[in-house]
Amino acid sequence: MSIASNKNNTRWRLTRGVITSCLLASLSTTAVAESSVTLKVTYAPIRYKDMYEQIAREFETQNAGVSIELVGYNDYEDLLQATLRASITGSVPDVSHQGMGFIPVLYEQEIARRLDGFIAQEEDWAGQGYLESLEEVCRHDGGVYCLPFSVSVPVLFYNADLIAAAGSDPASFPTTWSEVIELADRIHHGDASAVGIYYDHDSDYMFQAIMGSFGSPFMEGDRVGFGGPQGMRAYEVLGDIAETGDAYMSREQARQAFIGGKIGIFANSSSILGSFTDQIGSAFELGVAPFPLEVDDGRVPAGGNAVVVLTNDPSKQTAAWNYVKFATGPRAQTIMATTTGYAPVNTHAVDGEEYLKQYYLENPNAKVAPSQLPYLTAWFSFPGPDAIRLTKVISDSMADVLSGRTGSSEALSALVQDAQTLVQAN
């Protein structure tokens, strides 16, 4: 199930945001008045400070009278907690780049402002380079509450040298899980010191990725939906990965092993492409392949962050919307994409001669993530106060299978029971 539609998620309340939407619809989106406006913009992670600074300064240059005050946080969890605390004291920032999986929390707590009014006033909105699939990621109860800024998708990184040594052609990378696992098995048995495949299990993001590969729903009404045949097929893949040999280790251990040339295939978020590229250098040929989608309605979860308007101040909302448009527009998206491993969300940035077209021709690995945007769905947020606890239960369950401690069927059955108990605690 995708939070883009939310048809079956009882968390979302239909009356939310109507007054705010009417207010936004009445506001002009023309240039900001000459009187000075300072927007407080928060973001995470802090390691991207230089990128956000560059975007902020270029925005200021194009929007006379508007200043951006940036405040960074270590990670999305810290940013969310700071935002929730600020909402209690009435001191929320004006705009925030929030983790994609946390947008429903801001919607549910009535902190994020509805953007439909602004979008409705834009001439040729679709012509500005915004994909409908990306807008749907931010849709709750029929309203749009954010715009994606940076998107990561699950991908398969691979060591082309190890694949070639196993007797396969790296240029013909497999597209189904059975073929991927067969290749991983050949890599490991061709070089006993090499791990065929590593599947990241340290967050529920990659759980949603493997479930989405088979079209498994996350919720069906008030019941968890991944205990059916699609979920079982997904967990069988994890079990098959465990059988390829030496597939279980921590995320950090696996990243170092992959960089060191000891893992053939690494399933993780596309956001680490830049780091891998820099650290691997010329040690071996790094490749990136799309995440396998086993069914026609298979989807990949959107990682990364989305930009939300939080201010209630009418004198700031137009400036805030202009910042949102700039941050998700082609120039800022070009800065973002060439600085990080994330995919741009604006098609003009991807295809524009003056933006990323040449960059992608020279860096084909970077083009894999944006090629997956048509298959994007939202990073599902489980309902209830125990949602964060549930993500740990999911991670532990995947680890049990990937380590070989528990069989696929037994692990999935226990996970469904535990997940349902936590969901019902809402």
Foldseek 3Di string as FASTA:
>chain_A
DFQLVCPQPPLFDQVAQPVLLVVLLPADLDAADQAAEEFEEEEDDCVCVVLVVVLQVVLCVVRHRYHYHYDYHNHQVVVVVVQVVCVVVVRHTQKYWHWLQCLVVCRSVSQFHFCVSVCVPDDPSVVLFFDPLQQSSQDHSRTGRWGAQFWKWKWKKFFQVLLVLLVHHPVCQDQDLVSLLVSLLSSCVSPVQAGSEAEALQWCQSVLQLLLLQPFAQDDNLAGTLLDPSVLVSLVSLLSSLVSPPHDDHPVVVLVCVLVVRYGIYIDILQCVVVSCVSNPVVTDMAIGGHHRPDPLRAIAITGTTMTGRDPDSSCPSVSVSSNCSSLGQVSQLSVVVVTSTHRRGVCQCCPPVHCVVVCVVVVRSVNGVVRSVRYGHPDQQDDPCRVVLRVLSSVLSSCSSNVVDPSSVSSVVSSVVVSVRSVVD
